[in-house]
Protein backbone atom coordinates (compact mmCIF):
# COMPACT_ATOMS: atom_id res chain seq x y z
CA MET A 1 0.00 0.00 0.00
CA LEU A 2 2.82 2.39 0.91
CA ARG A 3 4.52 1.66 -2.40
CA LEU A 4 1.32 2.35 -4.36
CA ALA A 5 0.79 5.61 -2.46
CA ALA A 6 4.32 6.67 -3.30
CA ILE A 7 3.74 6.05 -6.99
CA PHE A 8 0.60 8.22 -6.98
CA LEU A 9 2.47 10.93 -5.07
CA VAL A 10 5.22 11.03 -7.69
CA PHE A 11 2.57 11.04 -10.44
CA GLY A 12 0.81 14.03 -8.87
CA VAL A 13 4.02 16.00 -8.38
CA MET A 14 5.00 15.48 -12.02
CA LEU A 15 1.58 16.67 -13.20
CA LEU A 16 1.79 19.80 -11.04
CA ALA A 17 5.26 20.51 -12.33
CA GLY A 18 4.08 20.19 -15.91
CA GLU A 19 6.58 17.41 -16.66
CA PRO A 20 5.81 14.76 -19.31
CA ILE A 21 5.33 11.36 -17.69
CA LYS A 22 7.62 9.46 -20.04
CA ALA A 23 8.69 6.94 -17.44
CA LEU A 24 5.16 5.77 -16.65
CA ALA A 25 3.52 5.88 -20.08
CA GLN A 26 4.92 6.65 -23.50
CA SER A 27 2.66 9.26 -25.16
CA ALA A 28 1.32 8.37 -28.60
CA PRO A 29 3.03 10.18 -31.46
CA PRO A 30 0.90 12.96 -32.96
CA THR A 31 -1.09 11.95 -36.02
CA GLU A 32 -0.29 13.93 -39.14
CA ALA A 33 -3.46 15.39 -40.65
CA ARG A 34 -4.29 14.20 -44.16
CA THR A 35 -6.13 16.75 -46.24
CA ILE A 36 -9.28 16.17 -48.27
CA GLY A 37 -9.98 19.03 -50.63
CA VAL A 38 -13.49 19.96 -51.79
CA LEU A 39 -14.03 22.32 -54.71
CA PHE A 40 -17.30 24.27 -54.89
CA ILE A 41 -18.08 25.35 -58.46
CA ARG A 42 -20.70 28.03 -59.02
CA GLU A 43 -21.89 29.17 -62.42
CA ILE A 44 -23.14 32.73 -62.19
CA GLN A 45 -26.50 32.72 -63.96
CA ASP A 46 -28.55 35.62 -65.25
CA ARG A 47 -31.89 35.04 -63.54
CA PRO A 48 -34.89 37.39 -63.48
CA LEU A 49 -35.40 39.41 -60.33
CA PRO A 50 -37.85 37.66 -57.97
CA LEU A 51 -41.27 39.24 -57.53
CA SER A 52 -40.60 39.62 -53.81
CA LEU A 53 -37.49 41.38 -52.57
CA LEU A 54 -37.47 38.82 -49.75
CA ASP A 55 -36.61 36.10 -52.28
CA ILE A 56 -33.41 37.62 -53.67
CA PRO A 57 -30.72 34.94 -53.17
CA PRO A 58 -27.82 35.92 -50.89
CA PRO A 59 -24.35 36.13 -52.47
CA ASP A 60 -23.20 33.01 -50.60
CA ASP A 61 -26.26 30.87 -51.36
CA GLY A 62 -25.08 27.26 -51.26
CA ILE A 63 -21.52 28.21 -50.34
CA ALA A 64 -22.54 28.97 -46.76
CA GLY A 65 -24.00 25.48 -46.43
CA ALA A 66 -20.80 23.92 -47.75
CA ARG A 67 -18.78 25.94 -45.24
CA LEU A 68 -20.88 24.70 -42.34
CA ALA A 69 -20.41 21.11 -43.49
CA LEU A 70 -16.67 21.76 -43.71
CA ALA A 71 -16.66 22.83 -40.06
CA ASP A 72 -18.69 19.73 -39.13
CA ASN A 73 -16.28 17.48 -40.99
CA ASN A 74 -13.25 19.05 -39.34
CA ASN A 75 -14.79 18.67 -35.88
CA THR A 76 -14.75 14.91 -36.42
CA GLY A 77 -11.70 14.81 -38.65
CA ARG A 78 -9.32 16.27 -36.11
CA PHE A 79 -9.69 13.10 -34.02
CA LEU A 80 -8.94 10.93 -37.05
CA GLY A 81 -6.04 12.86 -38.51
CA GLN A 82 -8.24 14.24 -41.30
CA GLU A 83 -8.43 17.85 -42.41
CA PHE A 84 -10.99 19.18 -44.89
CA ARG A 85 -10.44 22.22 -47.09
CA LEU A 86 -12.98 24.08 -49.23
CA ASP A 87 -12.13 26.14 -52.30
CA VAL A 88 -14.68 28.11 -54.33
CA ILE A 89 -14.54 29.12 -57.99
CA GLU A 90 -17.20 31.24 -59.69
CA SER A 91 -17.72 32.41 -63.24
CA ALA A 92 -20.50 33.22 -65.68
CA LYS A 93 -18.56 31.35 -68.39
CA ALA A 94 -18.78 27.56 -68.42
CA ASP A 95 -15.50 27.28 -70.35
CA GLU A 96 -13.63 29.07 -67.57
CA LEU A 97 -15.13 26.81 -64.93
CA LEU A 98 -14.25 23.74 -66.97
CA ALA A 99 -10.63 24.81 -67.45
CA GLU A 100 -10.20 25.69 -63.78
CA ALA A 101 -11.79 22.43 -62.65
CA GLU A 102 -9.46 20.39 -64.85
CA SER A 103 -6.50 22.33 -63.47
CA ARG A 104 -7.56 21.70 -59.85
CA VAL A 105 -8.15 18.01 -60.50
CA ALA A 106 -4.66 17.74 -61.99
CA THR A 107 -3.26 19.00 -58.68
CA GLY A 108 -5.14 16.42 -56.60
CA GLN A 109 -8.66 17.78 -56.03
CA HIS A 110 -11.08 14.84 -56.07
CA PHE A 111 -14.49 16.08 -54.85
CA LEU A 112 -16.47 18.75 -56.70
CA VAL A 113 -19.76 20.26 -55.50
CA LEU A 114 -21.70 21.89 -58.33
CA ASP A 115 -24.17 24.75 -58.48
CA VAL A 116 -24.23 25.07 -62.26
CA ARG A 117 -26.56 24.77 -65.24
CA PRO A 118 -27.55 21.20 -66.18
CA GLN A 119 -25.55 21.32 -69.40
CA THR A 120 -22.48 22.39 -67.43
CA VAL A 121 -22.93 19.39 -65.11
CA LEU A 122 -22.69 17.14 -68.16
CA ARG A 123 -19.70 18.99 -69.61
CA LEU A 124 -17.79 18.69 -66.34
CA ALA A 125 -18.72 15.03 -65.90
CA ASP A 126 -17.62 14.15 -69.43
CA ALA A 127 -14.39 16.16 -69.27
CA LEU A 128 -13.39 14.46 -66.00
CA LYS A 129 -14.51 10.95 -66.97
CA GLY A 130 -11.99 8.27 -66.06
CA LYS A 131 -10.22 10.44 -63.48
CA ASP A 132 -10.31 10.14 -59.71
CA VAL A 133 -13.15 12.63 -59.38
CA LEU A 134 -16.64 12.52 -57.90
CA LEU A 135 -19.09 15.32 -58.65
CA PHE A 136 -22.06 16.28 -56.45
CA ASN A 137 -24.92 18.02 -58.22
CA ALA A 138 -26.37 20.34 -55.57
CA GLY A 139 -28.15 22.83 -57.80
CA ALA A 140 -29.88 21.24 -60.81
CA PRO A 141 -33.23 19.42 -60.41
CA ASP A 142 -33.38 18.34 -64.06
CA GLU A 143 -34.64 14.80 -64.56
CA ASN A 144 -32.42 14.01 -67.54
CA LEU A 145 -29.31 14.27 -65.32
CA ARG A 146 -30.65 11.30 -63.35
CA GLU A 147 -32.08 9.44 -66.32
CA GLU A 148 -30.99 9.25 -69.98
CA ASP A 149 -28.05 11.64 -69.39
CA CYS A 150 -26.89 10.16 -66.07
CA ARG A 151 -23.16 9.86 -65.43
CA ALA A 152 -21.31 7.36 -63.25
CA ASN A 153 -19.15 10.07 -61.69
CA VAL A 154 -22.08 12.22 -60.49
CA LEU A 155 -24.16 11.99 -57.31
CA HIS A 156 -27.19 14.23 -56.76
CA THR A 157 -27.99 15.90 -53.44
CA SER A 158 -30.47 18.26 -55.09
CA PRO A 159 -33.91 16.62 -55.23
CA SER A 160 -35.22 16.06 -58.73
CA ARG A 161 -38.36 17.72 -60.04
CA ALA A 162 -40.06 14.33 -59.96
CA MET A 163 -39.28 13.99 -56.25
CA LEU A 164 -40.70 17.44 -55.51
CA ALA A 165 -43.83 16.89 -57.61
CA ASP A 166 -44.40 13.43 -56.12
CA ALA A 167 -44.03 14.75 -52.57
CA LEU A 168 -46.60 17.47 -53.21
CA ALA A 169 -48.94 15.09 -55.04
CA GLN A 170 -48.92 12.63 -52.14
CA TYR A 171 -49.97 15.38 -49.75
CA LEU A 172 -52.76 16.60 -52.05
CA VAL A 173 -54.10 13.08 -52.48
CA TRP A 174 -53.84 12.44 -48.72
CA LYS A 175 -55.95 15.60 -48.22
CA GLN A 176 -58.43 14.34 -50.86
CA TRP A 177 -57.67 17.36 -53.05
CA ARG A 178 -57.60 15.30 -56.22
CA ARG A 179 -58.83 17.82 -58.82
CA TRP A 180 -56.02 20.06 -60.01
CA PHE A 181 -56.15 23.21 -62.14
CA LEU A 182 -52.61 23.44 -63.59
CA VAL A 183 -51.25 26.86 -64.54
CA ARG A 184 -47.84 26.81 -66.21
CA GLY A 185 -45.43 29.47 -67.37
CA THR A 186 -43.69 29.62 -70.73
CA GLN A 187 -40.10 29.01 -69.61
CA PRO A 188 -38.46 25.60 -70.25
CA GLU A 189 -38.17 24.98 -66.50
CA ASP A 190 -41.88 25.65 -66.11
CA GLN A 191 -42.66 23.11 -68.81
CA ALA A 192 -40.43 20.57 -67.06
CA PHE A 193 -42.14 21.03 -63.70
CA ALA A 194 -45.57 20.84 -65.35
CA GLU A 195 -44.56 17.51 -66.88
CA ALA A 196 -43.48 16.27 -63.44
CA VAL A 197 -46.89 17.30 -62.08
CA ARG A 198 -48.69 15.42 -64.87
CA ARG A 199 -46.66 12.31 -64.11
CA ALA A 200 -47.34 12.62 -60.37
CA ALA A 201 -51.08 13.00 -60.97
CA LYS A 202 -51.16 9.81 -62.99
CA ARG A 203 -48.99 7.97 -60.47
CA PHE A 204 -50.89 8.85 -57.29
CA GLY A 205 -54.48 9.36 -58.39
CA GLY A 206 -54.70 13.10 -58.91
CA ARG A 207 -56.57 14.51 -61.90
CA ILE A 208 -55.65 17.58 -63.91
CA VAL A 209 -59.08 18.93 -64.79
CA GLU A 210 -57.75 21.88 -66.79
CA GLU A 211 -54.41 23.32 -67.86
CA ARG A 212 -53.67 26.89 -68.90
CA ALA A 213 -50.51 28.75 -69.90
CA PHE A 214 -49.84 32.11 -68.26
CA SER A 215 -47.72 34.57 -70.22
CA ASP A 216 -46.16 37.21 -67.98
CA GLU A 217 -45.49 40.47 -69.76
CA GLY A 218 -43.94 42.17 -66.71
CA GLY A 219 -44.10 45.82 -65.82
CA SER A 220 -46.75 45.66 -63.10
CA ARG A 221 -44.54 45.08 -60.10
CA ARG A 222 -43.06 48.53 -59.72
CA ALA A 223 -45.62 50.56 -61.67
CA ASP A 224 -47.98 52.82 -59.78
CA GLY A 225 -51.22 50.92 -59.40
CA GLY A 226 -49.50 47.66 -60.31
CA HIS A 227 -51.28 45.71 -57.58
CA GLU A 228 -54.61 46.97 -58.92
CA GLN A 229 -53.82 45.63 -62.39
CA ILE A 230 -52.84 42.25 -60.95
CA GLN A 231 -55.89 42.19 -58.71
CA LEU A 232 -58.04 42.40 -61.83
CA GLN A 233 -55.88 40.21 -64.09
CA ILE A 234 -55.62 37.04 -61.99
CA PRO A 235 -59.36 36.59 -61.29
CA VAL A 236 -60.12 37.04 -64.98
CA PHE A 237 -57.43 34.53 -65.95
CA THR A 238 -58.75 31.88 -63.54
CA GLN A 239 -62.43 32.49 -64.25
CA ASN A 240 -64.59 29.67 -65.66
CA ALA A 241 -62.04 26.97 -64.93
CA ALA A 242 -63.30 23.42 -64.54
CA ALA A 243 -64.29 22.49 -60.99
CA HIS A 244 -61.08 22.06 -59.01
CA ASP A 245 -59.78 21.63 -55.46
CA VAL A 246 -56.42 23.39 -55.87
CA VAL A 247 -54.54 25.60 -58.31
CA VAL A 248 -51.17 24.03 -59.13
CA LEU A 249 -48.54 26.49 -60.36
CA ALA A 250 -45.55 25.65 -62.55
CA ASP A 251 -43.50 28.85 -62.40
CA GLU A 252 -39.93 27.95 -61.51
CA ALA A 253 -38.67 31.24 -62.90
CA GLY A 254 -40.84 33.07 -60.38
CA LEU A 255 -42.30 35.48 -62.93
CA PHE A 256 -45.97 35.35 -61.89
CA GLY A 257 -46.68 32.67 -59.31
CA GLU A 258 -46.67 34.94 -56.27
CA TYR A 259 -49.56 36.89 -57.80
CA PHE A 260 -51.97 33.94 -57.50
CA PRO A 261 -52.57 33.31 -53.77
CA PHE A 262 -55.69 35.18 -52.56
CA ARG A 263 -56.42 36.53 -56.07
CA THR A 264 -57.99 33.56 -57.90
CA TRP A 265 -61.62 33.69 -59.07
CA GLU A 266 -62.61 30.89 -56.71
CA ALA A 267 -61.24 30.56 -53.19
CA ARG A 268 -58.86 27.66 -53.65
CA PRO A 269 -55.45 26.75 -52.19
CA VAL A 270 -52.47 27.60 -54.41
CA VAL A 271 -49.70 24.99 -54.50
CA GLY A 272 -46.70 24.04 -56.64
CA THR A 273 -43.78 26.37 -57.20
CA GLN A 274 -45.49 29.06 -55.09
CA GLY A 275 -47.97 28.94 -52.22
CA LEU A 276 -47.70 25.51 -50.65
CA THR A 277 -44.44 24.09 -52.00
CA ALA A 278 -42.26 20.98 -51.83
CA THR A 279 -38.68 21.65 -50.76
CA SER A 280 -35.58 19.93 -49.44
CA TRP A 281 -35.24 22.39 -46.55
CA HIS A 282 -37.13 25.09 -44.67
CA PRO A 283 -35.65 27.67 -42.27
CA ALA A 284 -38.46 27.07 -39.76
CA LEU A 285 -37.98 23.28 -39.43
CA GLU A 286 -37.47 22.35 -35.76
CA GLN A 287 -37.98 18.57 -35.61
CA TRP A 288 -35.28 15.89 -35.43
CA GLY A 289 -32.64 18.16 -33.92
CA ALA A 290 -33.01 20.72 -36.70
CA THR A 291 -33.28 23.64 -34.27
CA GLN A 292 -29.68 23.23 -33.17
CA PHE A 293 -28.63 22.82 -36.81
CA GLN A 294 -30.51 25.97 -37.82
CA ASN A 295 -28.90 27.93 -34.98
CA ARG A 296 -25.41 26.80 -35.96
CA PHE A 297 -26.01 27.89 -39.53
CA ARG A 298 -27.41 31.25 -38.44
CA ARG A 299 -24.33 31.91 -36.30
CA SER A 300 -22.06 30.89 -39.16
CA ALA A 301 -23.76 32.72 -42.04
CA ASN A 302 -25.74 35.48 -40.28
CA ARG A 303 -28.91 34.42 -42.10
CA THR A 304 -31.33 31.50 -42.36
CA MET A 305 -30.60 28.33 -44.32
CA ARG A 306 -32.02 27.99 -47.82
CA PRO A 307 -32.59 24.76 -49.81
CA LEU A 308 -29.40 25.21 -51.86
CA ASP A 309 -27.42 25.64 -48.64
CA TYR A 310 -28.85 22.38 -47.36
CA ASP A 311 -28.18 20.49 -50.60
CA ALA A 312 -24.57 21.72 -50.61
CA TRP A 313 -24.22 20.89 -46.91
CA LEU A 314 -25.37 17.33 -47.63
CA ALA A 315 -22.79 16.95 -50.39
CA VAL A 316 -19.82 18.06 -48.29
CA ARG A 317 -21.11 16.31 -45.19
CA SER A 318 -21.46 13.03 -47.12
CA ILE A 319 -17.79 13.21 -48.05
CA GLY A 320 -16.84 13.74 -44.41
CA GLU A 321 -19.10 10.95 -43.20
CA ALA A 322 -17.61 8.48 -45.67
CA ALA A 323 -14.05 9.51 -44.79
CA ALA A 324 -14.76 9.12 -41.07
CA ARG A 325 -16.47 5.74 -41.44
CA ARG A 326 -13.68 4.36 -43.60
CA ARG A 327 -10.99 6.16 -41.54
CA SER A 328 -9.37 6.99 -44.85
CA THR A 329 -8.60 9.93 -47.09
CA ALA A 330 -8.07 7.75 -50.16
CA PHE A 331 -10.39 8.77 -52.99
CA ALA A 332 -11.14 5.22 -54.14
CA GLU A 333 -12.22 4.11 -50.66
CA ILE A 334 -14.41 7.16 -50.03
CA ALA A 335 -16.07 7.06 -53.46
CA ALA A 336 -16.79 3.33 -53.24
CA TYR A 337 -18.24 3.68 -49.75
CA LEU A 338 -20.51 6.57 -50.78
CA ARG A 339 -22.11 4.34 -53.42
CA SER A 340 -22.30 1.26 -51.21
CA ALA A 341 -25.33 -0.09 -49.34
CA GLU A 342 -23.50 0.53 -46.04
CA PHE A 343 -23.38 4.32 -46.45
CA ASP A 344 -25.87 6.68 -44.85
CA VAL A 345 -25.77 10.24 -43.57
CA ALA A 346 -27.87 12.00 -40.95
CA GLY A 347 -29.71 14.98 -42.43
CA PHE A 348 -31.97 16.21 -39.59
CA LYS A 349 -35.01 14.60 -41.20
CA GLY A 350 -35.73 11.74 -38.84
CA GLN A 351 -34.17 8.95 -40.88
CA LYS A 352 -30.94 7.99 -42.59
CA LEU A 353 -30.29 9.33 -46.08
CA THR A 354 -28.69 7.16 -48.77
CA PHE A 355 -27.85 7.31 -52.46
CA ARG A 356 -29.82 5.27 -54.99
CA ASP A 357 -27.52 2.83 -56.71
CA TRP A 358 -29.34 3.08 -60.06
CA ASN A 359 -28.89 6.81 -60.69
CA GLY A 360 -26.94 8.38 -57.82
CA GLN A 361 -29.89 10.37 -56.44
CA LEU A 362 -30.03 10.97 -52.70
CA ARG A 363 -33.09 9.48 -51.01
CA GLU A 364 -34.61 11.97 -48.58
CA PRO A 365 -37.93 13.08 -47.10
CA ILE A 366 -39.33 16.21 -48.75
CA LEU A 367 -40.90 19.03 -46.74
CA ILE A 368 -44.32 20.44 -47.69
CA ALA A 369 -44.34 24.04 -46.54
CA THR A 370 -45.70 27.54 -46.75
CA PRO A 371 -43.21 30.42 -46.86
CA LYS A 372 -43.48 30.70 -43.07
CA ILE A 373 -43.71 27.16 -41.72
CA PRO A 374 -43.54 23.45 -42.66
CA VAL A 375 -46.97 21.85 -43.03
CA SER A 376 -46.11 18.19 -43.60
CA VAL A 377 -43.37 15.80 -44.71
CA SER A 378 -43.56 13.32 -47.59
CA PRO A 379 -43.67 10.36 -48.10
CA GLN A 380 -47.20 10.52 -46.70
CA PRO A 381 -48.83 7.75 -44.64
CA GLY A 382 -50.28 4.99 -46.77
CA PHE A 383 -47.90 5.32 -49.72
CA LEU A 384 -46.01 2.06 -49.48
CA HIS A 385 -42.96 0.57 -51.18
CA GLN A 386 -41.44 -2.89 -51.03
CA PHE A 387 -37.97 -1.57 -50.15
CA SER A 388 -38.11 2.04 -48.92
CA THR A 389 -41.01 4.50 -48.77
CA LEU A 390 -38.49 7.16 -49.82
CA ASP A 391 -38.46 5.46 -53.21
CA THR A 392 -42.07 6.54 -53.72
CA LEU A 393 -40.56 9.98 -54.43
CA GLY A 394 -38.99 10.30 -57.87
CA LEU A 395 -38.30 7.66 -60.49
CA ASP A 396 -38.00 4.18 -59.02
CA ARG A 397 -35.64 1.45 -60.17
CA PRO A 398 -38.12 -0.17 -62.64
CA GLU A 399 -38.83 3.24 -64.21
CA THR A 400 -35.29 4.51 -64.66
CA LYS A 401 -33.62 5.07 -68.02
CA CYS A 402 -30.22 5.43 -66.37
CA ARG A 403 -27.64 2.81 -67.29
CA LEU A 404 -24.49 3.32 -65.23
């Protein structure tokens, strides 16, 4: 006993003196951090000004989400000898982005997060084919990127239009609002969303009772008396429509959709791209630990999180999760694990998120929300699937045209 007490006494004295205890225990050598670089590529796009000044995207839209994920990855990585670095390149010219991406890949950059036009996604994927590169599409919902134009080196954290339309359709059918009056814009994106709505109606038992095209000529928003013109225009446009439960808008460009709520001829809910919408994220979500996540983002970015922020966060966070699980910074190991059945990532949505092996699309619940608050989450109760209810959203394995 006296001998043991003496040992503890010596131990305490050495600690107080700040001396390393080399004689009692050899300290482990420090682990050298191995760096994993992530490149965020943004294509500056000339988009029309939103109808509401509240909807103007912040300059760091998407980038702020990637930065938060970087901090999350490094919090875990420092215990594993892993360090994550984020670089950002931006340009309005796709050729410049392509050249810079190829240059960065040549110097060892393996993971690219994209907020670019759909055609630029394909150009980057084709230019980098056969190299140790994995691209994450965080900004393009286009179906062809997941289907006939899918690429083996691309994963998608942005939900597809089909996923968004299916999520909304499930909620409408669950509410027994089965008769839809579809109003679409004239832009290509509007046509694409309208097609997704038609498919969702057929798939889940909705019925498009009438479809009309709305041509926005602009000029009313800032003109004196503009609201009076709109107040007269929208009721006239929606007058004499077939009996319907909801007005479904397809206005991705945001040129007219905000004019419809509370102005239609008949008092009906407005849903789709405006009104009640389907989205990957909402700044008022509080369930599943999201409050703490929202607060961390607000402290980091000095604003609320937008869907593009969340989609970019998921991309970078997936890389970190795979690196931590595999305890590796090797590209081949991380890329293979991301595509494997063992991979999943927590996304503050109440269940694990995974990538579909047939087209690289992330499976995730989709929020149904007003501008102020989430209303529901799809998949809705009663919509079943033999493998995962998340696969009721978007194109399922038997439907896909993708051949990886």
